Amino acid sequence: MSRVCELTGKGPMTGNNVSHANNKTRRRFLPNLNDVTLQSEALGRGIKMRISAAALRSVDHRGGLDKFLAKAKDTELSARVLKVKKEIQKSGGNAVEAAVSE
């Protein structure tokens, strides 16, 4: 399982551990990923995803998964979430179109 957020594309970053003696050794900074089930109003079901805590706050701030995906760039989304986005647009796209027009 890759350590990449499915909504924002955030992944591991690299940096240094710096000791008191100023010795530097390489390390990885991993994103804070959580397994969550987000509810889609248009589809009427939950979708399991592995997303970062920051993405979870963004989804909540924008008013739900449908509105978040309406404004999200396709390049940042994973292939699985892109399929969900297209499903939402096909089905009752009213919620998605209303989110875009806001």
PDB file of N, CA and C in Angstrom:
ATOM      1  N   MET A   1       0.847  -1.174   0.000  1.00  0.00           N
ATOM      2  CA  MET A   1       0.000   0.000   0.000  1.00  0.00           C
ATOM      3  C   MET A   1       0.898   1.245   0.000  1.00  0.00           C
ATOM      4  N   SER A   2       0.719   2.121  -0.980  1.00  0.00           N
ATOM      5  CA  SER A   2       1.581   3.292  -1.077  1.00  0.00           C
ATOM      6  C   SER A   2       1.182   4.338  -0.049  1.00  0.00           C
ATOM      7  N   ARG A   3       2.141   5.143   0.330  1.00  0.00           N
ATOM      8  CA  ARG A   3       1.905   6.187   1.330  1.00  0.00           C
ATOM      9  C   ARG A   3       1.619   7.509   0.632  1.00  0.00           C
ATOM     10  N   VAL A   4       0.534   7.529  -0.141  1.00  0.00           N
ATOM     11  CA  VAL A   4       0.142   8.723  -0.889  1.00  0.00           C
ATOM     12  C   VAL A   4      -1.342   8.972  -0.641  1.00  0.00           C
ATOM     13  N   CYS A   5      -1.693  10.238  -0.383  1.00  0.00           N
ATOM     14  CA  CYS A   5      -3.092  10.611  -0.175  1.00  0.00           C
ATOM     15  C   CYS A   5      -3.831  10.497  -1.501  1.00  0.00           C
ATOM     16  N   GLU A   6      -5.024   9.879  -1.488  1.00  0.00           N
ATOM     17  CA  GLU A   6      -5.777   9.673  -2.717  1.00  0.00           C
ATOM     18  C   GLU A   6      -6.448  10.949  -3.221  1.00  0.00           C
ATOM     19  N   LEU A   7      -6.643  11.935  -2.359  1.00  0.00           N
ATOM     20  CA  LEU A   7      -7.316  13.171  -2.771  1.00  0.00           C
ATOM     21  C   LEU A   7      -6.357  14.299  -3.113  1.00  0.00           C
ATOM     22  N   THR A   8      -5.284  14.441  -2.344  1.00  0.00           N
ATOM     23  CA  THR A   8      -4.383  15.575  -2.562  1.00  0.00           C
ATOM     24  C   THR A   8      -3.075  15.194  -3.225  1.00  0.00           C
ATOM     25  N   GLY A   9      -2.740  13.907  -3.234  1.00  0.00           N
ATOM     26  CA  GLY A   9      -1.482  13.480  -3.837  1.00  0.00           C
ATOM     27  C   GLY A   9      -0.269  13.677  -2.938  1.00  0.00           C
ATOM     28  N   LYS A  10      -0.477  14.037  -1.671  1.00  0.00           N
ATOM     29  CA  LYS A  10       0.649  14.221  -0.750  1.00  0.00           C
ATOM     30  C   LYS A  10       1.336  12.892  -0.521  1.00  0.00           C
ATOM     31  N   GLY A  11       2.669  12.915  -0.543  1.00  0.00           N
ATOM     32  CA  GLY A  11       3.441  11.707  -0.330  1.00  0.00           C
ATOM     33  C   GLY A  11       4.597  11.973   0.614  1.00  0.00           C
ATOM     34  N   PRO A  12       5.487  10.987   0.788  1.00  0.00           N
ATOM     35  CA  PRO A  12       6.623  11.163   1.688  1.00  0.00           C
ATOM     36  C   PRO A  12       7.577  12.241   1.193  1.00  0.00           C
ATOM     37  N   MET A  13       8.165  12.958   2.150  1.00  0.00           N
ATOM     38  CA  MET A  13       9.207  13.944   1.845  1.00  0.00           C
ATOM     39  C   MET A  13      10.474  13.500   2.553  1.00  0.00           C
ATOM     40  N   THR A  14      11.613  14.000   2.109  1.00  0.00           N
ATOM     41  CA  THR A  14      12.872  13.638   2.752  1.00  0.00           C
ATOM     42  C   THR A  14      13.481  14.850   3.424  1.00  0.00           C
ATOM     43  N   GLY A  15      14.310  14.563   4.412  1.00  0.00           N
ATOM     44  CA  GLY A  15      14.990  15.628   5.144  1.00  0.00           C
ATOM     45  C   GLY A  15      16.112  15.032   5.966  1.00  0.00           C
ATOM     46  N   ASN A  16      16.533  15.760   6.979  1.00  0.00           N
ATOM     47  CA  ASN A  16      17.631  15.319   7.826  1.00  0.00           C
ATOM     48  C   ASN A  16      17.209  15.224   9.279  1.00  0.00           C
ATOM     49  N   ASN A  17      17.727  14.198   9.983  1.00  0.00           N
ATOM     50  CA  ASN A  17      17.753  14.211  11.440  1.00  0.00           C
ATOM     51  C   ASN A  17      19.002  14.995  11.814  1.00  0.00           C
ATOM     52  N   VAL A  18      18.868  15.946  12.691  1.00  0.00           N
ATOM     53  CA  VAL A  18      20.023  16.743  13.109  1.00  0.00           C
ATOM     54  C   VAL A  18      20.231  16.532  14.599  1.00  0.00           C
ATOM     55  N   SER A  19      21.390  15.985  14.958  1.00  0.00           N
ATOM     56  CA  SER A  19      21.687  15.692  16.355  1.00  0.00           C
ATOM     57  C   SER A  19      22.188  16.948  17.064  1.00  0.00           C
ATOM     58  N   HIS A  20      22.369  16.830  18.377  1.00  0.00           N
ATOM     59  CA  HIS A  20      22.888  17.945  19.173  1.00  0.00           C
ATOM     60  C   HIS A  20      24.288  18.340  18.700  1.00  0.00           C
ATOM     61  N   ALA A  21      25.050  17.352  18.218  1.00  0.00           N
ATOM     62  CA  ALA A  21      26.398  17.605  17.700  1.00  0.00           C
ATOM     63  C   ALA A  21      26.372  18.044  16.236  1.00  0.00           C
ATOM     64  N   ASN A  22      25.164  18.312  15.717  1.00  0.00           N
ATOM     65  CA  ASN A  22      24.956  18.776  14.344  1.00  0.00           C
ATOM     66  C   ASN A  22      25.319  17.731  13.289  1.00  0.00           C
ATOM     67  N   ASN A  23      25.234  16.433  13.665  1.00  0.00           N
ATOM     68  CA  ASN A  23      25.397  15.362  12.688  1.00  0.00           C
ATOM     69  C   ASN A  23      24.090  15.227  11.918  1.00  0.00           C
ATOM     70  N   LYS A  24      24.192  15.040  10.613  1.00  0.00           N
ATOM     71  CA  LYS A  24      22.982  14.953   9.788  1.00  0.00           C
ATOM     72  C   LYS A  24      22.869  13.556   9.176  1.00  0.00           C
ATOM     73  N   THR A  25      21.705  12.925   9.366  1.00  0.00           N
ATOM     74  CA  THR A  25      21.413  11.646   8.732  1.00  0.00           C
ATOM     75  C   THR A  25      20.067  11.784   8.037  1.00  0.00           C
ATOM     76  N   ARG A  26      19.931  11.131   6.895  1.00  0.00           N
ATOM     77  CA  ARG A  26      18.704  11.259   6.102  1.00  0.00           C
ATOM     78  C   ARG A  26      17.530  10.577   6.786  1.00  0.00           C
ATOM     79  N   ARG A  27      16.338  11.125   6.579  1.00  0.00           N
ATOM     80  CA  ARG A  27      15.113  10.547   7.120  1.00  0.00           C
ATOM     81  C   ARG A  27      13.957  10.853   6.187  1.00  0.00           C
ATOM     82  N   ARG A  28      12.813  10.205   6.451  1.00  0.00           N
ATOM     83  CA  ARG A  28      11.605  10.442   5.651  1.00  0.00           C
ATOM     84  C   ARG A  28      10.523  11.035   6.538  1.00  0.00           C
ATOM     85  N   PHE A  29       9.814  12.010   6.011  1.00  0.00           N
ATOM     86  CA  PHE A  29       8.641  12.570   6.675  1.00  0.00           C
ATOM     87  C   PHE A  29       7.426  11.982   5.959  1.00  0.00           C
ATOM     88  N   LEU A  30       6.647  11.163   6.670  1.00  0.00           N
ATOM     89  CA  LEU A  30       5.498  10.495   6.061  1.00  0.00           C
ATOM     90  C   LEU A  30       4.233  11.303   6.309  1.00  0.00           C
ATOM     91  N   PRO A  31       3.313  11.321   5.340  1.00  0.00           N
ATOM     92  CA  PRO A  31       2.046  12.033   5.548  1.00  0.00           C
ATOM     93  C   PRO A  31       1.173  11.297   6.571  1.00  0.00           C
ATOM     94  N   ASN A  32       0.325  12.047   7.245  1.00  0.00           N
ATOM     95  CA  ASN A  32      -0.567  11.489   8.260  1.00  0.00           C
ATOM     96  C   ASN A  32      -1.796  10.907   7.556  1.00  0.00           C
ATOM     97  N   LEU A  33      -1.692   9.642   7.123  1.00  0.00           N
ATOM     98  CA  LEU A  33      -2.765   9.008   6.360  1.00  0.00           C
ATOM     99  C   LEU A  33      -3.726   8.254   7.268  1.00  0.00           C
ATOM    100  N   ASN A  34      -5.018   8.342   6.941  1.00  0.00           N
ATOM    101  CA  ASN A  34      -6.067   7.660   7.684  1.00  0.00           C
ATOM    102  C   ASN A  34      -6.976   6.929   6.715  1.00  0.00           C
ATOM    103  N   ASP A  35      -7.439   5.750   7.123  1.00  0.00           N
ATOM    104  CA  ASP A  35      -8.427   5.005   6.348  1.00  0.00           C
ATOM    105  C   ASP A  35      -9.804   5.487   6.780  1.00  0.00           C
ATOM    106  N   VAL A  36     -10.547   6.097   5.855  1.00  0.00           N
ATOM    107  CA  VAL A  36     -11.864   6.649   6.185  1.00  0.00           C
ATOM    108  C   VAL A  36     -12.882   6.209   5.137  1.00  0.00           C
ATOM    109  N   THR A  37     -14.144   6.265   5.516  1.00  0.00           N
ATOM    110  CA  THR A  37     -15.242   6.049   4.587  1.00  0.00           C
ATOM    111  C   THR A  37     -16.013   7.346   4.489  1.00  0.00           C
ATOM    112  N   LEU A  38     -15.994   7.965   3.314  1.00  0.00           N
ATOM    113  CA  LEU A  38     -16.692   9.227   3.097  1.00  0.00           C
ATOM    114  C   LEU A  38     -18.000   8.961   2.363  1.00  0.00           C
ATOM    115  N   GLN A  39     -19.055   9.631   2.787  1.00  0.00           N
ATOM    116  CA  GLN A  39     -20.382   9.439   2.200  1.00  0.00           C
ATOM    117  C   GLN A  39     -20.562  10.357   0.988  1.00  0.00           C
ATOM    118  N   SER A  40     -21.040   9.796  -0.110  1.00  0.00           N
ATOM    119  CA  SER A  40     -21.377  10.567  -1.299  1.00  0.00           C
ATOM    120  C   SER A  40     -22.891  10.745  -1.348  1.00  0.00           C
ATOM    121  N   GLU A  41     -23.341  11.999  -1.365  1.00  0.00           N
ATOM    122  CA  GLU A  41     -24.784  12.273  -1.414  1.00  0.00           C
ATOM    123  C   GLU A  41     -25.365  11.899  -2.766  1.00  0.00           C
ATOM    124  N   ALA A  42     -24.620  12.163  -3.839  1.00  0.00           N
ATOM    125  CA  ALA A  42     -25.119  11.880  -5.184  1.00  0.00           C
ATOM    126  C   ALA A  42     -25.250  10.375  -5.431  1.00  0.00           C
ATOM    127  N   LEU A  43     -24.283   9.592  -4.941  1.00  0.00           N
ATOM    128  CA  LEU A  43     -24.313   8.152  -5.156  1.00  0.00           C
ATOM    129  C   LEU A  43     -25.107   7.430  -4.077  1.00  0.00           C
ATOM    130  N   GLY A  44     -25.262   8.046  -2.919  1.00  0.00           N
ATOM    131  CA  GLY A  44     -26.010   7.435  -1.832  1.00  0.00           C
ATOM    132  C   GLY A  44     -25.294   6.276  -1.169  1.00  0.00           C
ATOM    133  N   ARG A  45     -23.971   6.288  -1.170  1.00  0.00           N
ATOM    134  CA  ARG A  45     -23.195   5.232  -0.535  1.00  0.00           C
ATOM    135  C   ARG A  45     -21.867   5.802  -0.043  1.00  0.00           C
ATOM    136  N   GLY A  46     -21.173   4.992   0.749  1.00  0.00           N
ATOM    137  CA  GLY A  46     -19.873   5.389   1.273  1.00  0.00           C
ATOM    138  C   GLY A  46     -18.754   4.905   0.375  1.00  0.00           C
ATOM    139  N   ILE A  47     -17.661   5.663   0.351  1.00  0.00           N
ATOM    140  CA  ILE A  47     -16.498   5.294  -0.440  1.00  0.00           C
ATOM    141  C   ILE A  47     -15.297   5.240   0.489  1.00  0.00           C
ATOM    142  N   LYS A  48     -14.601   4.086   0.527  1.00  0.00           N
ATOM    143  CA  LYS A  48     -13.425   3.930   1.380  1.00  0.00           C
ATOM    144  C   LYS A  48     -12.228   4.556   0.686  1.00  0.00           C
ATOM    145  N   MET A  49     -11.467   5.353   1.453  1.00  0.00           N
ATOM    146  CA  MET A  49     -10.279   6.002   0.907  1.00  0.00           C
ATOM    147  C   MET A  49      -9.187   6.052   1.954  1.00  0.00           C
ATOM    148  N   ARG A  50      -7.969   6.258   1.498  1.00  0.00           N
ATOM    149  CA  ARG A  50      -6.834   6.478   2.388  1.00  0.00           C
ATOM    150  C   ARG A  50      -6.359   7.902   2.124  1.00  0.00           C
ATOM    151  N   ILE A  51      -6.727   8.824   3.026  1.00  0.00           N
ATOM    152  CA  ILE A  51      -6.434  10.233   2.798  1.00  0.00           C
ATOM    153  C   ILE A  51      -5.710  10.832   3.995  1.00  0.00           C
ATOM    154  N   SER A  52      -5.059  11.964   3.770  1.00  0.00           N
ATOM    155  CA  SER A  52      -4.346  12.653   4.837  1.00  0.00           C
ATOM    156  C   SER A  52      -5.329  13.391   5.737  1.00  0.00           C
ATOM    157  N   ALA A  53      -4.888  13.701   6.940  1.00  0.00           N
ATOM    158  CA  ALA A  53      -5.732  14.425   7.889  1.00  0.00           C
ATOM    159  C   ALA A  53      -6.070  15.818   7.343  1.00  0.00           C
ATOM    160  N   ALA A  54      -5.134  16.432   6.639  1.00  0.00           N
ATOM    161  CA  ALA A  54      -5.381  17.750   6.051  1.00  0.00           C
ATOM    162  C   ALA A  54      -6.462  17.670   4.976  1.00  0.00           C
ATOM    163  N   ALA A  55      -6.460  16.598   4.183  1.00  0.00           N
ATOM    164  CA  ALA A  55      -7.480  16.412   3.150  1.00  0.00           C
ATOM    165  C   ALA A  55      -8.844  16.181   3.773  1.00  0.00           C
ATOM    166  N   LEU A  56      -8.877  15.459   4.894  1.00  0.00           N
ATOM    167  CA  LEU A  56     -10.138  15.213   5.588  1.00  0.00           C
ATOM    168  C   LEU A  56     -10.750  16.531   6.070  1.00  0.00           C
ATOM    169  N   ARG A  57      -9.911  17.433   6.580  1.00  0.00           N
ATOM    170  CA  ARG A  57     -10.398  18.753   7.001  1.00  0.00           C
ATOM    171  C   ARG A  57     -10.873  19.558   5.799  1.00  0.00           C
ATOM    172  N   SER A  58     -10.185  19.438   4.675  1.00  0.00           N
ATOM    173  CA  SER A  58     -10.586  20.162   3.463  1.00  0.00           C
ATOM    174  C   SER A  58     -11.936  19.677   2.949  1.00  0.00           C
ATOM    175  N   VAL A  59     -12.155  18.361   2.976  1.00  0.00           N
ATOM    176  CA  VAL A  59     -13.437  17.795   2.541  1.00  0.00           C
ATOM    177  C   VAL A  59     -14.547  18.325   3.436  1.00  0.00           C
ATOM    178  N   ASP A  60     -14.304  18.343   4.735  1.00  0.00           N
ATOM    179  CA  ASP A  60     -15.287  18.843   5.692  1.00  0.00           C
ATOM    180  C   ASP A  60     -15.557  20.333   5.466  1.00  0.00           C
ATOM    181  N   HIS A  61     -14.511  21.092   5.200  1.00  0.00           N
ATOM    182  CA  HIS A  61     -14.636  22.538   4.994  1.00  0.00           C
ATOM    183  C   HIS A  61     -15.444  22.873   3.738  1.00  0.00           C
ATOM    184  N   ARG A  62     -15.243  22.091   2.679  1.00  0.00           N
ATOM    185  CA  ARG A  62     -15.952  22.358   1.417  1.00  0.00           C
ATOM    186  C   ARG A  62     -17.378  21.838   1.404  1.00  0.00           C
ATOM    187  N   GLY A  63     -17.759  21.061   2.416  1.00  0.00           N
ATOM    188  CA  GLY A  63     -19.148  20.629   2.506  1.00  0.00           C
ATOM    189  C   GLY A  63     -19.427  19.232   2.010  1.00  0.00           C
ATOM    190  N   GLY A  64     -18.438  18.361   2.036  1.00  0.00           N
ATOM    191  CA  GLY A  64     -18.670  16.972   1.664  1.00  0.00           C
ATOM    192  C   GLY A  64     -17.829  16.526   0.484  1.00  0.00           C
ATOM    193  N   LEU A  65     -17.853  15.229   0.265  1.00  0.00           N
ATOM    194  CA  LEU A  65     -17.028  14.623  -0.781  1.00  0.00           C
ATOM    195  C   LEU A  65     -17.421  15.098  -2.174  1.00  0.00           C
ATOM    196  N   ASP A  66     -18.717  15.196  -2.455  1.00  0.00           N
ATOM    197  CA  ASP A  66     -19.177  15.579  -3.791  1.00  0.00           C
ATOM    198  C   ASP A  66     -18.675  16.971  -4.166  1.00  0.00           C
ATOM    199  N   LYS A  67     -18.785  17.913  -3.258  1.00  0.00           N
ATOM    200  CA  LYS A  67     -18.345  19.284  -3.539  1.00  0.00           C
ATOM    201  C   LYS A  67     -16.827  19.374  -3.625  1.00  0.00           C
ATOM    202  N   PHE A  68     -16.123  18.575  -2.803  1.00  0.00           N
ATOM    203  CA  PHE A  68     -14.666  18.568  -2.868  1.00  0.00           C
ATOM    204  C   PHE A  68     -14.191  18.075  -4.227  1.00  0.00           C
ATOM    205  N   LEU A  69     -14.782  16.961  -4.695  1.00  0.00           N
ATOM    206  CA  LEU A  69     -14.361  16.388  -5.980  1.00  0.00           C
ATOM    207  C   LEU A  69     -14.726  17.294  -7.148  1.00  0.00           C
ATOM    208  N   ALA A  70     -15.794  18.087  -7.009  1.00  0.00           N
ATOM    209  CA  ALA A  70     -16.190  18.988  -8.089  1.00  0.00           C
ATOM    210  C   ALA A  70     -15.114  20.043  -8.335  1.00  0.00           C
ATOM    211  N   LYS A  71     -14.452  20.483  -7.270  1.00  0.00           N
ATOM    212  CA  LYS A  71     -13.434  21.526  -7.402  1.00  0.00           C
ATOM    213  C   LYS A  71     -12.018  20.975  -7.523  1.00  0.00           C
ATOM    214  N   ALA A  72     -11.825  19.679  -7.257  1.00  0.00           N
ATOM    215  CA  ALA A  72     -10.489  19.082  -7.249  1.00  0.00           C
ATOM    216  C   ALA A  72      -9.930  18.950  -8.661  1.00  0.00           C
ATOM    217  N   LYS A  73      -8.607  19.116  -8.773  1.00  0.00           N
ATOM    218  CA  LYS A  73      -7.926  18.939 -10.051  1.00  0.00           C
ATOM    219  C   LYS A  73      -7.737  17.444 -10.305  1.00  0.00           C
ATOM    220  N   ASP A  74      -7.960  17.017 -11.535  1.00  0.00           N
ATOM    221  CA  ASP A  74      -7.857  15.603 -11.889  1.00  0.00           C
ATOM    222  C   ASP A  74      -6.427  15.079 -11.740  1.00  0.00           C
ATOM    223  N   THR A  75      -5.430  15.950 -11.880  1.00  0.00           N
ATOM    224  CA  THR A  75      -4.036  15.508 -11.800  1.00  0.00           C
ATOM    225  C   THR A  75      -3.650  15.079 -10.393  1.00  0.00           C
ATOM    226  N   GLU A  76      -4.320  15.626  -9.363  1.00  0.00           N
ATOM    227  CA  GLU A  76      -3.990  15.291  -7.981  1.00  0.00           C
ATOM    228  C   GLU A  76      -4.689  14.021  -7.507  1.00  0.00           C
ATOM    229  N   LEU A  77      -5.802  13.663  -8.133  1.00  0.00           N
ATOM    230  CA  LEU A  77      -6.608  12.527  -7.674  1.00  0.00           C
ATOM    231  C   LEU A  77      -6.026  11.200  -8.153  1.00  0.00           C
ATOM    232  N   SER A  78      -6.225  10.155  -7.335  1.00  0.00           N
ATOM    233  CA  SER A  78      -5.790   8.821  -7.743  1.00  0.00           C
ATOM    234  C   SER A  78      -6.758   8.285  -8.804  1.00  0.00           C
ATOM    235  N   ALA A  79      -6.368   7.215  -9.465  1.00  0.00           N
ATOM    236  CA  ALA A  79      -7.191   6.640 -10.539  1.00  0.00           C
ATOM    237  C   ALA A  79      -8.534   6.158  -9.998  1.00  0.00           C
ATOM    238  N   ARG A  80      -8.517   5.581  -8.789  1.00  0.00           N
ATOM    239  CA  ARG A  80      -9.746   5.064  -8.189  1.00  0.00           C
ATOM    240  C   ARG A  80     -10.720   6.194  -7.862  1.00  0.00           C
ATOM    241  N   VAL A  81     -10.195   7.299  -7.359  1.00  0.00           N
ATOM    242  CA  VAL A  81     -11.050   8.432  -7.000  1.00  0.00           C
ATOM    243  C   VAL A  81     -11.550   9.149  -8.259  1.00  0.00           C
ATOM    244  N   LEU A  82     -10.764   9.126  -9.329  1.00  0.00           N
ATOM    245  CA  LEU A  82     -11.217   9.705 -10.605  1.00  0.00           C
ATOM    246  C   LEU A  82     -12.457   8.978 -11.117  1.00  0.00           C
ATOM    247  N   LYS A  83     -12.485   7.655 -10.961  1.00  0.00           N
ATOM    248  CA  LYS A  83     -13.658   6.878 -11.371  1.00  0.00           C
ATOM    249  C   LYS A  83     -14.880   7.288 -10.554  1.00  0.00           C
ATOM    250  N   VAL A  84     -14.677   7.502  -9.240  1.00  0.00           N
ATOM    251  CA  VAL A  84     -15.775   7.926  -8.372  1.00  0.00           C
ATOM    252  C   VAL A  84     -16.269   9.304  -8.794  1.00  0.00           C
ATOM    253  N   LYS A  85     -15.342  10.198  -9.133  1.00  0.00           N
ATOM    254  CA  LYS A  85     -15.713  11.554  -9.570  1.00  0.00           C
ATOM    255  C   LYS A  85     -16.571  11.495 -10.831  1.00  0.00           C
ATOM    256  N   LYS A  86     -16.185  10.640 -11.775  1.00  0.00           N
ATOM    257  CA  LYS A  86     -16.949  10.509 -13.023  1.00  0.00           C
ATOM    258  C   LYS A  86     -18.321   9.890 -12.756  1.00  0.00           C
ATOM    259  N   GLU A  87     -18.386   8.934 -11.817  1.00  0.00           N
ATOM    260  CA  GLU A  87     -19.667   8.339 -11.425  1.00  0.00           C
ATOM    261  C   GLU A  87     -20.604   9.404 -10.867  1.00  0.00           C
ATOM    262  N   ILE A  88     -20.061  10.258 -10.015  1.00  0.00           N
ATOM    263  CA  ILE A  88     -20.860  11.315  -9.388  1.00  0.00           C
ATOM    264  C   ILE A  88     -21.368  12.284 -10.454  1.00  0.00           C
ATOM    265  N   GLN A  89     -20.514  12.619 -11.425  1.00  0.00           N
ATOM    266  CA  GLN A  89     -20.929  13.526 -12.488  1.00  0.00           C
ATOM    267  C   GLN A  89     -22.011  12.903 -13.353  1.00  0.00           C
ATOM    268  N   LYS A  90     -21.928  11.573 -13.592  1.00  0.00           N
ATOM    269  CA  LYS A  90     -22.933  10.883 -14.404  1.00  0.00           C
ATOM    270  C   LYS A  90     -24.276  10.826 -13.701  1.00  0.00           C
ATOM    271  N   SER A  91     -24.239  10.375 -12.435  1.00  0.00           N
ATOM    272  CA  SER A  91     -25.492  10.266 -11.678  1.00  0.00           C
ATOM    273  C   SER A  91     -25.989  11.674 -11.372  1.00  0.00           C
ATOM    274  N   GLY A  92     -26.742  11.866 -10.357  1.00  0.00           N
ATOM    275  CA  GLY A  92     -27.291  13.190 -10.059  1.00  0.00           C
ATOM    276  C   GLY A  92     -26.227  14.242  -9.942  1.00  0.00           C
ATOM    277  N   GLY A  93     -25.764  14.771 -11.043  1.00  0.00           N
ATOM    278  CA  GLY A  93     -24.720  15.776 -11.047  1.00  0.00           C
ATOM    279  C   GLY A  93     -25.193  17.128 -10.554  1.00  0.00           C
ATOM    280  N   ASN A  94     -26.439  17.209 -10.063  1.00  0.00           N
ATOM    281  CA  ASN A  94     -26.959  18.489  -9.588  1.00  0.00           C
ATOM    282  C   ASN A  94     -26.144  19.050  -8.452  1.00  0.00           C
ATOM    283  N   ALA A  95     -25.731  18.204  -7.501  1.00  0.00           N
ATOM    284  CA  ALA A  95     -24.953  18.663  -6.363  1.00  0.00           C
ATOM    285  C   ALA A  95     -23.578  19.131  -6.826  1.00  0.00           C
ATOM    286  N   VAL A  96     -23.020  18.424  -7.804  1.00  0.00           N
ATOM    287  CA  VAL A  96     -21.703  18.783  -8.305  1.00  0.00           C
ATOM    288  C   VAL A  96     -21.768  20.090  -9.090  1.00  0.00           C
ATOM    289  N   GLU A  97     -22.789  20.242  -9.949  1.00  0.00           N
ATOM    290  CA  GLU A  97     -22.915  21.459 -10.737  1.00  0.00           C
ATOM    291  C   GLU A  97     -23.189  22.669  -9.847  1.00  0.00           C
ATOM    292  N   ALA A  98     -23.965  22.472  -8.791  1.00  0.00           N
ATOM    293  CA  ALA A  98     -24.237  23.571  -7.865  1.00  0.00           C
ATOM    294  C   ALA A  98     -22.963  23.992  -7.135  1.00  0.00           C
ATOM    295  N   ALA A  99     -22.108  23.024  -6.819  1.00  0.00           N
ATOM    296  CA  ALA A  99     -20.856  23.339  -6.135  1.00  0.00           C
ATOM    297  C   ALA A  99     -19.910  24.113  -7.047  1.00  0.00           C
ATOM    298  N   VAL A 100     -19.900  23.784  -8.318  1.00  0.00           N
ATOM    299  CA  VAL A 100     -19.023  24.469  -9.263  1.00  0.00           C
ATOM    300  C   VAL A 100     -19.481  25.903  -9.486  1.00  0.00           C
ATOM    301  N   SER A 101     -20.782  26.120  -9.523  1.00  0.00           N
ATOM    302  CA  SER A 101     -21.301  27.458  -9.795  1.00  0.00           C
ATOM    303  C   SER A 101     -21.136  28.426  -8.621  1.00  0.00           C
ATOM    304  N   GLU A 102     -20.909  27.900  -7.404  1.00  0.00           N
ATOM    305  CA  GLU A 102     -20.749  28.754  -6.223  1.00  0.00           C
ATOM    306  C   GLU A 102     -19.495  29.559  -6.253  1.00  0.00           C
TER     307      GLU A 102
END
